[in-house]
Amino acid sequence: MSIEFAGIIPTQAEAGVPRLHEHRRESDLAQSFARAGFDNVLIEGTGALGLARGLSADRTAPKLIIQHRPNEELVEAAEAFALLDCRAASGLSVEIVGEPTPSERASFVHETDQARTDEYLTLLKRLWLNDKAIDYEGRFFSLRGAKLSARRCHRTLPLMMGGRSAVAIRVAARHADVFKLGGVGLSEANDLIAQVEAAAIPFGRSGRIRYSLDIQPSASPLTKSGTRSLVIMPPRAVLEVTGRAEDMVLHLLPYIELGVSHFTVRGLQTPEDVANFGVDVISLLRRTQERTVHHRFGLHPAIRLMQTLL
């Protein structure tokens, strides 16, 4: 199982976290992530689509993931995705986010929002796959002669989604290529994966969904000789492990054993943080995983890591 890491380029500052933009241009940041061994760059926040257009011109940048709320014009959004998918060297993935904006919270109904998201993504896939015009009349959307003029360079548009409620899990099980666990402890991750897999059975998608975990190193320096904390970001609590890169890798390996194959790394505050995380953590984890491939029988994660360090 291949392991992927995604770095983040926010389009707006997160509270208490300095913007990477203060150190370099976005295009330079994308290159920093690529050199450090990151496979993807997640563009978060308002203006993600515009920033992605600029980064897609760099043919050596990591694969782009853009956040998208399914409340925009459906056909226009699909056109923009198709153009980006062809322009970006490694294609495009879309992370569907469902949290209401401040202006929507007063009238927000979770079940209604999920039903709308389900219909939106169903139509998005139809538009992506069809060259013929589509007529559709549904609960939330109405299309007349809708089709995409932009060429699609890839057969599918990979979608990332998450959720905790039964209805959100059902919608994600139907549509997601990658299910976002957020930041959860090992036991909750195991339970969530089991729920998603069960929900995917009626759609014929069990075993076809990948899983992603959000992780965040602490603000302390990250060096091979120093110490650093790795924070797993759950919705209601924080699991923290303190130690060197080996300790971080040892903490992540059990999640990989559960089936997690994608990690979104939050909180890297400088390009130096990005480079150090790649050298110290990503490369060590991948070397440890390579050892697994060469063993017929599974070894305890600590033994695999120890053998890698020898």
C-alpha atoms as a PDB file:
ATOM      1  CA  MET A   1       0.000   0.000   0.000  1.00  0.00           C
ATOM      2  CA  SER A   2       1.494   3.311  -1.058  1.00  0.00           C
ATOM      3  CA  ILE A   3       1.535   6.085   1.552  1.00  0.00           C
ATOM      4  CA  GLU A   4       0.866   9.685   0.536  1.00  0.00           C
ATOM      5  CA  PHE A   5       1.444  12.947   2.370  1.00  0.00           C
ATOM      6  CA  ALA A   6      -0.316  16.234   1.688  1.00  0.00           C
ATOM      7  CA  GLY A   7       0.955  19.633   2.705  1.00  0.00           C
ATOM      8  CA  ILE A   8      -1.305  22.638   3.068  1.00  0.00           C
ATOM      9  CA  ILE A   9      -1.266  26.051   1.442  1.00  0.00           C
ATOM     10  CA  PRO A  10      -4.039  28.090   3.079  1.00  0.00           C
ATOM     11  CA  THR A  11      -5.585  30.995   1.215  1.00  0.00           C
ATOM     12  CA  GLN A  12      -6.246  32.732   4.513  1.00  0.00           C
ATOM     13  CA  ALA A  13      -4.460  32.728   7.842  1.00  0.00           C
ATOM     14  CA  GLU A  14      -5.486  30.217  10.476  1.00  0.00           C
ATOM     15  CA  ALA A  15      -5.838  31.573  13.988  1.00  0.00           C
ATOM     16  CA  GLY A  16      -2.498  31.510  15.765  1.00  0.00           C
ATOM     17  CA  VAL A  17      -0.643  29.941  12.828  1.00  0.00           C
ATOM     18  CA  PRO A  18       1.708  32.109  10.727  1.00  0.00           C
ATOM     19  CA  ARG A  19       1.040  31.907   7.022  1.00  0.00           C
ATOM     20  CA  LEU A  20       3.593  30.102   4.918  1.00  0.00           C
ATOM     21  CA  HIS A  21       2.956  32.897   2.407  1.00  0.00           C
ATOM     22  CA  GLU A  22       4.952  35.188   4.679  1.00  0.00           C
ATOM     23  CA  HIS A  23       8.070  33.241   3.772  1.00  0.00           C
ATOM     24  CA  ARG A  24       7.685  32.456   0.060  1.00  0.00           C
ATOM     25  CA  ARG A  25       5.374  32.720  -2.903  1.00  0.00           C
ATOM     26  CA  GLU A  26       2.785  29.980  -3.296  1.00  0.00           C
ATOM     27  CA  SER A  27       4.592  28.507  -6.314  1.00  0.00           C
ATOM     28  CA  ASP A  28       7.816  28.262  -4.308  1.00  0.00           C
ATOM     29  CA  LEU A  29       5.915  26.614  -1.467  1.00  0.00           C
ATOM     30  CA  ALA A  30       4.514  23.985  -3.797  1.00  0.00           C
ATOM     31  CA  GLN A  31       8.064  23.223  -4.892  1.00  0.00           C
ATOM     32  CA  SER A  32       9.170  23.040  -1.246  1.00  0.00           C
ATOM     33  CA  PHE A  33       6.533  20.386  -0.598  1.00  0.00           C
ATOM     34  CA  ALA A  34       7.570  18.453  -3.710  1.00  0.00           C
ATOM     35  CA  ARG A  35      11.258  18.463  -2.734  1.00  0.00           C
ATOM     36  CA  ALA A  36      10.382  17.313   0.780  1.00  0.00           C
ATOM     37  CA  GLY A  37       8.580  14.232  -0.539  1.00  0.00           C
ATOM     38  CA  PHE A  38       4.973  15.402  -0.238  1.00  0.00           C
ATOM     39  CA  ASP A  39       2.701  13.886  -2.876  1.00  0.00           C
ATOM     40  CA  ASN A  40      -0.141  16.413  -2.693  1.00  0.00           C
ATOM     41  CA  VAL A  41      -0.779  20.035  -1.867  1.00  0.00           C
ATOM     42  CA  LEU A  42      -4.144  20.844  -0.297  1.00  0.00           C
ATOM     43  CA  ILE A  43      -5.349  24.377  -1.007  1.00  0.00           C
ATOM     44  CA  GLU A  44      -7.737  25.444   1.732  1.00  0.00           C
ATOM     45  CA  GLY A  45     -10.101  28.320   2.290  1.00  0.00           C
ATOM     46  CA  THR A  46     -11.801  31.002   0.257  1.00  0.00           C
ATOM     47  CA  GLY A  47     -10.128  31.496  -3.108  1.00  0.00           C
ATOM     48  CA  ALA A  48      -8.790  27.938  -3.365  1.00  0.00           C
ATOM     49  CA  LEU A  49      -9.884  27.634  -6.987  1.00  0.00           C
ATOM     50  CA  GLY A  50      -8.114  30.831  -8.002  1.00  0.00           C
ATOM     51  CA  LEU A  51      -4.876  29.861  -6.277  1.00  0.00           C
ATOM     52  CA  ALA A  52      -5.045  26.398  -7.847  1.00  0.00           C
ATOM     53  CA  ARG A  53      -5.236  27.977 -11.303  1.00  0.00           C
ATOM     54  CA  GLY A  54      -1.928  29.711 -10.653  1.00  0.00           C
ATOM     55  CA  LEU A  55      -0.199  26.658  -9.218  1.00  0.00           C
ATOM     56  CA  SER A  56      -1.428  24.364 -11.993  1.00  0.00           C
ATOM     57  CA  ALA A  57       0.914  26.091 -14.444  1.00  0.00           C
ATOM     58  CA  ASP A  58       3.871  24.505 -12.626  1.00  0.00           C
ATOM     59  CA  ARG A  59       4.359  21.155 -14.324  1.00  0.00           C
ATOM     60  CA  THR A  60       6.603  19.845 -11.517  1.00  0.00           C
ATOM     61  CA  ALA A  61       4.290  20.695  -8.597  1.00  0.00           C
ATOM     62  CA  PRO A  62       2.679  17.945  -6.493  1.00  0.00           C
ATOM     63  CA  LYS A  63      -0.871  16.873  -7.257  1.00  0.00           C
ATOM     64  CA  LEU A  64      -3.371  19.563  -6.324  1.00  0.00           C
ATOM     65  CA  ILE A  65      -6.267  19.050  -3.922  1.00  0.00           C
ATOM     66  CA  ILE A  66      -8.708  21.924  -3.634  1.00  0.00           C
ATOM     67  CA  GLN A  67     -11.393  22.449  -1.035  1.00  0.00           C
ATOM     68  CA  HIS A  68     -14.873  22.958  -2.415  1.00  0.00           C
ATOM     69  CA  ARG A  69     -18.243  23.582  -0.821  1.00  0.00           C
ATOM     70  CA  PRO A  70     -21.087  22.198  -2.972  1.00  0.00           C
ATOM     71  CA  ASN A  71     -23.073  25.406  -2.865  1.00  0.00           C
ATOM     72  CA  GLU A  72     -21.616  26.978  -5.977  1.00  0.00           C
ATOM     73  CA  GLU A  73     -23.032  26.763  -9.480  1.00  0.00           C
ATOM     74  CA  LEU A  74     -22.700  23.106 -10.393  1.00  0.00           C
ATOM     75  CA  VAL A  75     -21.912  23.331 -14.106  1.00  0.00           C
ATOM     76  CA  GLU A  76     -19.492  26.245 -13.659  1.00  0.00           C
ATOM     77  CA  ALA A  77     -17.652  24.386 -10.913  1.00  0.00           C
ATOM     78  CA  ALA A  78     -17.414  21.236 -13.036  1.00  0.00           C
ATOM     79  CA  GLU A  79     -16.037  23.276 -15.955  1.00  0.00           C
ATOM     80  CA  ALA A  80     -13.389  24.806 -13.686  1.00  0.00           C
ATOM     81  CA  PHE A  81     -12.419  21.367 -12.342  1.00  0.00           C
ATOM     82  CA  ALA A  82     -12.074  19.964 -15.870  1.00  0.00           C
ATOM     83  CA  LEU A  83      -9.803  22.816 -16.940  1.00  0.00           C
ATOM     84  CA  LEU A  84      -7.626  22.417 -13.846  1.00  0.00           C
ATOM     85  CA  ASP A  85      -7.498  18.650 -14.219  1.00  0.00           C
ATOM     86  CA  CYS A  86      -5.975  19.011 -17.673  1.00  0.00           C
ATOM     87  CA  ARG A  87      -3.690  21.890 -16.789  1.00  0.00           C
ATOM     88  CA  ALA A  88      -2.174  20.406 -13.631  1.00  0.00           C
ATOM     89  CA  ALA A  89       0.610  17.937 -14.398  1.00  0.00           C
ATOM     90  CA  SER A  90      -0.592  15.320 -11.906  1.00  0.00           C
ATOM     91  CA  GLY A  91      -4.298  15.987 -12.170  1.00  0.00           C
ATOM     92  CA  LEU A  92      -6.721  17.246  -9.560  1.00  0.00           C
ATOM     93  CA  SER A  93      -8.587  15.982  -6.499  1.00  0.00           C
ATOM     94  CA  VAL A  94     -11.415  17.804  -4.754  1.00  0.00           C
ATOM     95  CA  GLU A  95     -12.037  17.825  -1.008  1.00  0.00           C
ATOM     96  CA  ILE A  96     -15.726  18.334  -0.288  1.00  0.00           C
ATOM     97  CA  VAL A  97     -16.332  20.359   2.871  1.00  0.00           C
ATOM     98  CA  GLY A  98     -19.752  20.647   4.476  1.00  0.00           C
ATOM     99  CA  GLU A  99     -19.389  22.963   7.437  1.00  0.00           C
ATOM    100  CA  PRO A 100     -21.838  25.881   7.192  1.00  0.00           C
ATOM    101  CA  THR A 101     -20.560  29.405   6.756  1.00  0.00           C
ATOM    102  CA  PRO A 102     -21.401  31.903   9.538  1.00  0.00           C
ATOM    103  CA  SER A 103     -24.252  33.293   7.440  1.00  0.00           C
ATOM    104  CA  GLU A 104     -25.732  29.800   6.941  1.00  0.00           C
ATOM    105  CA  ARG A 105     -25.614  28.535  10.526  1.00  0.00           C
ATOM    106  CA  ALA A 106     -28.968  29.926  11.624  1.00  0.00           C
ATOM    107  CA  SER A 107     -30.872  27.993   8.936  1.00  0.00           C
ATOM    108  CA  PHE A 108     -28.503  25.028   8.585  1.00  0.00           C
ATOM    109  CA  VAL A 109     -30.082  21.553   8.722  1.00  0.00           C
ATOM    110  CA  HIS A 110     -27.513  18.753   8.579  1.00  0.00           C
ATOM    111  CA  GLU A 111     -29.718  16.115   6.936  1.00  0.00           C
ATOM    112  CA  THR A 112     -30.883  18.562   4.257  1.00  0.00           C
ATOM    113  CA  ASP A 113     -27.320  19.674   3.587  1.00  0.00           C
ATOM    114  CA  GLN A 114     -26.184  16.068   3.171  1.00  0.00           C
ATOM    115  CA  ALA A 115     -29.060  15.298   0.788  1.00  0.00           C
ATOM    116  CA  ARG A 116     -28.084  18.337  -1.265  1.00  0.00           C
ATOM    117  CA  THR A 117     -24.425  17.243  -1.283  1.00  0.00           C
ATOM    118  CA  ASP A 118     -25.446  13.762  -2.423  1.00  0.00           C
ATOM    119  CA  GLU A 119     -27.451  15.156  -5.320  1.00  0.00           C
ATOM    120  CA  TYR A 120     -24.708  17.645  -6.203  1.00  0.00           C
ATOM    121  CA  LEU A 121     -22.000  14.975  -6.396  1.00  0.00           C
ATOM    122  CA  THR A 122     -24.209  12.579  -8.334  1.00  0.00           C
ATOM    123  CA  LEU A 123     -24.757  15.268 -10.975  1.00  0.00           C
ATOM    124  CA  LEU A 124     -21.099  16.315 -10.924  1.00  0.00           C
ATOM    125  CA  LYS A 125     -20.101  12.749 -11.812  1.00  0.00           C
ATOM    126  CA  ARG A 126     -22.736  12.565 -14.561  1.00  0.00           C
ATOM    127  CA  LEU A 127     -21.465  15.784 -16.106  1.00  0.00           C
ATOM    128  CA  TRP A 128     -17.878  14.559 -15.864  1.00  0.00           C
ATOM    129  CA  LEU A 129     -18.599  11.251 -17.591  1.00  0.00           C
ATOM    130  CA  ASN A 130     -21.059  12.393 -20.279  1.00  0.00           C
ATOM    131  CA  ASP A 131     -20.500  14.361 -23.443  1.00  0.00           C
ATOM    132  CA  LYS A 132     -24.220  14.531 -24.173  1.00  0.00           C
ATOM    133  CA  ALA A 133     -26.468  17.231 -22.739  1.00  0.00           C
ATOM    134  CA  ILE A 134     -28.251  16.348 -19.489  1.00  0.00           C
ATOM    135  CA  ASP A 135     -31.802  17.267 -18.500  1.00  0.00           C
ATOM    136  CA  TYR A 136     -32.530  16.817 -14.818  1.00  0.00           C
ATOM    137  CA  GLU A 137     -35.145  17.929 -12.313  1.00  0.00           C
ATOM    138  CA  GLY A 138     -34.458  17.104  -8.671  1.00  0.00           C
ATOM    139  CA  ARG A 139     -35.056  18.275  -5.149  1.00  0.00           C
ATOM    140  CA  PHE A 140     -32.213  20.799  -5.169  1.00  0.00           C
ATOM    141  CA  PHE A 141     -31.005  21.123  -8.748  1.00  0.00           C
ATOM    142  CA  SER A 142     -32.517  21.647 -12.173  1.00  0.00           C
ATOM    143  CA  LEU A 143     -30.514  21.204 -15.369  1.00  0.00           C
ATOM    144  CA  ARG A 144     -31.563  21.820 -18.947  1.00  0.00           C
ATOM    145  CA  GLY A 145     -29.208  20.795 -21.723  1.00  0.00           C
ATOM    146  CA  ALA A 146     -26.260  20.873 -19.339  1.00  0.00           C
ATOM    147  CA  LYS A 147     -22.889  19.564 -20.492  1.00  0.00           C
ATOM    148  CA  LEU A 148     -19.240  20.436 -20.113  1.00  0.00           C
ATOM    149  CA  SER A 149     -17.434  22.165 -22.930  1.00  0.00           C
ATOM    150  CA  ALA A 150     -14.021  21.565 -21.353  1.00  0.00           C
ATOM    151  CA  ARG A 151     -12.182  18.350 -22.158  1.00  0.00           C
ATOM    152  CA  ARG A 152     -11.681  15.926 -19.256  1.00  0.00           C
ATOM    153  CA  CYS A 153      -8.155  14.534 -19.179  1.00  0.00           C
ATOM    154  CA  HIS A 154      -8.881  11.867 -16.578  1.00  0.00           C
ATOM    155  CA  ARG A 155     -11.786   9.442 -16.490  1.00  0.00           C
ATOM    156  CA  THR A 156     -12.689  10.281 -12.901  1.00  0.00           C
ATOM    157  CA  LEU A 157     -12.449  13.253 -10.554  1.00  0.00           C
ATOM    158  CA  PRO A 158     -11.172  11.898  -7.203  1.00  0.00           C
ATOM    159  CA  LEU A 159     -13.210  13.136  -4.235  1.00  0.00           C
ATOM    160  CA  MET A 160     -12.198  13.430  -0.576  1.00  0.00           C
ATOM    161  CA  MET A 161     -14.922  13.603   2.078  1.00  0.00           C
ATOM    162  CA  GLY A 162     -15.453  12.998   5.767  1.00  0.00           C
ATOM    163  CA  GLY A 163     -18.178  13.002   8.382  1.00  0.00           C
ATOM    164  CA  ARG A 164     -19.313  11.460  11.656  1.00  0.00           C
ATOM    165  CA  SER A 165     -23.086  11.191  11.408  1.00  0.00           C
ATOM    166  CA  ALA A 166     -24.745   8.150   9.839  1.00  0.00           C
ATOM    167  CA  VAL A 167     -26.077  10.208   6.936  1.00  0.00           C
ATOM    168  CA  ALA A 168     -22.684  11.843   6.268  1.00  0.00           C
ATOM    169  CA  ILE A 169     -20.960   8.463   6.336  1.00  0.00           C
ATOM    170  CA  ARG A 170     -23.530   7.066   3.880  1.00  0.00           C
ATOM    171  CA  VAL A 171     -23.013   9.962   1.444  1.00  0.00           C
ATOM    172  CA  ALA A 172     -19.224   9.670   1.727  1.00  0.00           C
ATOM    173  CA  ALA A 173     -19.388   5.883   1.268  1.00  0.00           C
ATOM    174  CA  ARG A 174     -21.274   6.451  -1.970  1.00  0.00           C
ATOM    175  CA  HIS A 175     -19.009   9.140  -3.424  1.00  0.00           C
ATOM    176  CA  ALA A 176     -15.615   9.418  -1.701  1.00  0.00           C
ATOM    177  CA  ASP A 177     -12.422   8.006  -3.118  1.00  0.00           C
ATOM    178  CA  VAL A 178     -10.684   9.054   0.095  1.00  0.00           C
ATOM    179  CA  PHE A 179     -12.519   9.250   3.432  1.00  0.00           C
ATOM    180  CA  LYS A 180     -11.118  11.898   5.769  1.00  0.00           C
ATOM    181  CA  LEU A 181     -10.959  10.608   9.312  1.00  0.00           C
ATOM    182  CA  GLY A 182      -9.912  14.026  10.578  1.00  0.00           C
ATOM    183  CA  GLY A 183      -7.744  13.590  13.633  1.00  0.00           C
ATOM    184  CA  VAL A 184      -8.848  10.602  15.672  1.00  0.00           C
ATOM    185  CA  GLY A 185      -7.385   8.101  18.074  1.00  0.00           C
ATOM    186  CA  LEU A 186      -6.590   4.589  16.915  1.00  0.00           C
ATOM    187  CA  SER A 187      -9.754   3.011  18.317  1.00  0.00           C
ATOM    188  CA  GLU A 188     -12.046   5.644  16.800  1.00  0.00           C
ATOM    189  CA  ALA A 189     -10.241   5.368  13.468  1.00  0.00           C
ATOM    190  CA  ASN A 190     -10.861   1.624  13.497  1.00  0.00           C
ATOM    191  CA  ASP A 191     -14.564   2.152  14.273  1.00  0.00           C
ATOM    192  CA  LEU A 192     -14.990   4.820  11.592  1.00  0.00           C
ATOM    193  CA  ILE A 193     -13.332   2.704   8.928  1.00  0.00           C
ATOM    194  CA  ALA A 194     -15.625  -0.209   9.814  1.00  0.00           C
ATOM    195  CA  GLN A 195     -18.695   2.065   9.561  1.00  0.00           C
ATOM    196  CA  VAL A 196     -17.636   3.437   6.175  1.00  0.00           C
ATOM    197  CA  GLU A 197     -16.884  -0.010   4.791  1.00  0.00           C
ATOM    198  CA  ALA A 198     -20.283  -1.286   5.933  1.00  0.00           C
ATOM    199  CA  ALA A 199     -22.037   1.756   4.439  1.00  0.00           C
ATOM    200  CA  ALA A 200     -20.176   1.223   1.147  1.00  0.00           C
ATOM    201  CA  ILE A 201     -21.501  -2.322   0.624  1.00  0.00           C
ATOM    202  CA  PRO A 202     -24.880  -1.321  -0.935  1.00  0.00           C
ATOM    203  CA  PHE A 203     -22.996   0.840  -3.461  1.00  0.00           C
ATOM    204  CA  GLY A 204     -20.524  -1.907  -4.345  1.00  0.00           C
ATOM    205  CA  ARG A 205     -17.661   0.203  -3.024  1.00  0.00           C
ATOM    206  CA  SER A 206     -16.442  -1.724   0.009  1.00  0.00           C
ATOM    207  CA  GLY A 207     -12.673  -2.124  -0.179  1.00  0.00           C
ATOM    208  CA  ARG A 208     -12.365   0.668  -2.756  1.00  0.00           C
ATOM    209  CA  ILE A 209     -12.100   3.658  -0.396  1.00  0.00           C
ATOM    210  CA  ARG A 210      -8.828   4.994   0.985  1.00  0.00           C
ATOM    211  CA  TYR A 211      -8.486   6.688   4.372  1.00  0.00           C
ATOM    212  CA  SER A 212      -6.768   9.918   5.372  1.00  0.00           C
ATOM    213  CA  LEU A 213      -5.648  11.187   8.786  1.00  0.00           C
ATOM    214  CA  ASP A 214      -4.880  14.762   9.844  1.00  0.00           C
ATOM    215  CA  ILE A 215      -1.668  15.152  11.837  1.00  0.00           C
ATOM    216  CA  GLN A 216       0.050  18.206  13.256  1.00  0.00           C
ATOM    217  CA  PRO A 217       3.588  18.529  14.602  1.00  0.00           C
ATOM    218  CA  SER A 218       3.954  20.911  17.516  1.00  0.00           C
ATOM    219  CA  ALA A 219       5.686  24.258  17.183  1.00  0.00           C
ATOM    220  CA  SER A 220       8.950  22.957  18.629  1.00  0.00           C
ATOM    221  CA  PRO A 221      11.966  22.487  16.310  1.00  0.00           C
ATOM    222  CA  LEU A 222      12.006  19.342  14.208  1.00  0.00           C
ATOM    223  CA  THR A 223      15.468  17.848  13.884  1.00  0.00           C
ATOM    224  CA  LYS A 224      16.894  14.368  14.022  1.00  0.00           C
ATOM    225  CA  SER A 225      18.654  15.122  17.289  1.00  0.00           C
ATOM    226  CA  GLY A 226      15.897  17.238  18.826  1.00  0.00           C
ATOM    227  CA  THR A 227      12.421  16.461  20.067  1.00  0.00           C
ATOM    228  CA  ARG A 228       9.069  17.311  18.602  1.00  0.00           C
ATOM    229  CA  SER A 229       5.455  16.566  19.325  1.00  0.00           C
ATOM    230  CA  LEU A 230       3.074  15.002  16.858  1.00  0.00           C
ATOM    231  CA  VAL A 231      -0.546  15.896  17.502  1.00  0.00           C
ATOM    232  CA  ILE A 232      -3.317  13.687  16.124  1.00  0.00           C
ATOM    233  CA  MET A 233      -6.231  16.068  15.737  1.00  0.00           C
ATOM    234  CA  PRO A 234      -9.519  14.510  16.881  1.00  0.00           C
ATOM    235  CA  PRO A 235     -12.767  16.479  16.965  1.00  0.00           C
ATOM    236  CA  ARG A 236     -13.053  16.562  20.766  1.00  0.00           C
ATOM    237  CA  ALA A 237      -9.632  15.682  22.250  1.00  0.00           C
ATOM    238  CA  VAL A 238      -5.947  15.775  21.403  1.00  0.00           C
ATOM    239  CA  LEU A 239      -3.621  12.782  21.331  1.00  0.00           C
ATOM    240  CA  GLU A 240      -0.031  13.924  21.615  1.00  0.00           C
ATOM    241  CA  VAL A 241       3.221  12.018  21.294  1.00  0.00           C
ATOM    242  CA  THR A 242       6.574  13.644  22.046  1.00  0.00           C
ATOM    243  CA  GLY A 243       9.868  12.460  20.662  1.00  0.00           C
ATOM    244  CA  ARG A 244      12.103  12.282  17.653  1.00  0.00           C
ATOM    245  CA  ALA A 245      11.160  11.354  14.106  1.00  0.00           C
ATOM    246  CA  GLU A 246      11.310   7.656  15.035  1.00  0.00           C
ATOM    247  CA  ASP A 247       8.632   8.190  17.665  1.00  0.00           C
ATOM    248  CA  MET A 248       6.371   9.916  15.166  1.00  0.00           C
ATOM    249  CA  VAL A 249       6.762   7.127  12.648  1.00  0.00           C
ATOM    250  CA  LEU A 250       6.120   4.535  15.344  1.00  0.00           C
ATOM    251  CA  HIS A 251       2.905   6.375  16.230  1.00  0.00           C
ATOM    252  CA  LEU A 252       1.719   6.432  12.600  1.00  0.00           C
ATOM    253  CA  LEU A 253       2.475   2.815  11.714  1.00  0.00           C
ATOM    254  CA  PRO A 254      -0.550   1.357  13.596  1.00  0.00           C
ATOM    255  CA  TYR A 255      -2.830   3.670  11.594  1.00  0.00           C
ATOM    256  CA  ILE A 256      -1.288   2.329   8.403  1.00  0.00           C
ATOM    257  CA  GLU A 257      -1.970  -1.192   9.679  1.00  0.00           C
ATOM    258  CA  LEU A 258      -5.657  -0.186   9.944  1.00  0.00           C
ATOM    259  CA  GLY A 259      -5.697   0.962   6.327  1.00  0.00           C
ATOM    260  CA  VAL A 260      -4.788   4.651   6.512  1.00  0.00           C
ATOM    261  CA  SER A 261      -2.735   5.524   3.433  1.00  0.00           C
ATOM    262  CA  HIS A 262      -2.942   9.316   3.315  1.00  0.00           C
ATOM    263  CA  PHE A 263      -1.757  11.888   5.850  1.00  0.00           C
ATOM    264  CA  THR A 264      -2.581  15.598   5.759  1.00  0.00           C
ATOM    265  CA  VAL A 265       0.122  17.462   7.654  1.00  0.00           C
ATOM    266  CA  ARG A 266      -1.041  20.648   9.353  1.00  0.00           C
ATOM    267  CA  GLY A 267       0.837  23.317  11.242  1.00  0.00           C
ATOM    268  CA  LEU A 268       4.106  23.417   9.273  1.00  0.00           C
ATOM    269  CA  GLN A 269       4.903  27.090   9.716  1.00  0.00           C
ATOM    270  CA  THR A 270       8.012  27.669   7.615  1.00  0.00           C
ATOM    271  CA  PRO A 271       9.644  26.182   4.510  1.00  0.00           C
ATOM    272  CA  GLU A 272      12.303  24.823   6.847  1.00  0.00           C
ATOM    273  CA  ASP A 273       9.605  22.944   8.761  1.00  0.00           C
ATOM    274  CA  VAL A 274       8.407  21.463   5.483  1.00  0.00           C
ATOM    275  CA  ALA A 275      11.920  20.344   4.508  1.00  0.00           C
ATOM    276  CA  ASN A 276      12.713  18.906   7.938  1.00  0.00           C
ATOM    277  CA  PHE A 277       9.453  16.979   8.130  1.00  0.00           C
ATOM    278  CA  GLY A 278      10.205  15.438   4.748  1.00  0.00           C
ATOM    279  CA  VAL A 279      13.764  14.461   5.655  1.00  0.00           C
ATOM    280  CA  ASP A 280      13.060  13.256   9.182  1.00  0.00           C
ATOM    281  CA  VAL A 281       9.580  11.714   9.057  1.00  0.00           C
ATOM    282  CA  ILE A 282       8.399  11.026   5.501  1.00  0.00           C
ATOM    283  CA  SER A 283      11.615   9.403   4.323  1.00  0.00           C
ATOM    284  CA  LEU A 284      11.930   7.281   7.481  1.00  0.00           C
ATOM    285  CA  LEU A 285       8.326   6.092   7.287  1.00  0.00           C
ATOM    286  CA  ARG A 286       8.705   5.119   3.640  1.00  0.00           C
ATOM    287  CA  ARG A 287      11.911   3.220   4.300  1.00  0.00           C
ATOM    288  CA  THR A 288      10.140   1.366   7.101  1.00  0.00           C
ATOM    289  CA  GLN A 289       7.259   0.533   4.745  1.00  0.00           C
ATOM    290  CA  GLU A 290       9.651  -0.744   2.101  1.00  0.00           C
ATOM    291  CA  ARG A 291      10.936  -3.281   4.604  1.00  0.00           C
ATOM    292  CA  THR A 292       7.375  -4.524   5.070  1.00  0.00           C
ATOM    293  CA  VAL A 293       7.108  -5.336   1.364  1.00  0.00           C
ATOM    294  CA  HIS A 294      10.123  -7.641   1.586  1.00  0.00           C
ATOM    295  CA  HIS A 295       8.764  -9.648   4.522  1.00  0.00           C
ATOM    296  CA  ARG A 296       6.402 -12.506   3.859  1.00  0.00           C
ATOM    297  CA  PHE A 297       5.032 -12.351   7.393  1.00  0.00           C
ATOM    298  CA  GLY A 298       4.046  -9.132   9.129  1.00  0.00           C
ATOM    299  CA  LEU A 299       6.380  -7.802  11.787  1.00  0.00           C
ATOM    300  CA  HIS A 300       5.504  -5.618  14.741  1.00  0.00           C
ATOM    301  CA  PRO A 301       5.810  -1.911  13.745  1.00  0.00           C
ATOM    302  CA  ALA A 302       8.517  -1.326  16.368  1.00  0.00           C
ATOM    303  CA  ILE A 303      10.617  -4.186  14.958  1.00  0.00           C
ATOM    304  CA  ARG A 304      10.250  -2.893  11.398  1.00  0.00           C
ATOM    305  CA  LEU A 305      11.306   0.579  12.512  1.00  0.00           C
ATOM    306  CA  MET A 306      14.270  -0.778  14.497  1.00  0.00           C
ATOM    307  CA  GLN A 307      15.470  -2.728  11.463  1.00  0.00           C
ATOM    308  CA  THR A 308      15.197   0.404   9.326  1.00  0.00           C
ATOM    309  CA  LEU A 309      17.359   2.391  11.735  1.00  0.00           C
ATOM    310  CA  LEU A 310      20.090  -0.260  11.947  1.00  0.00           C
END
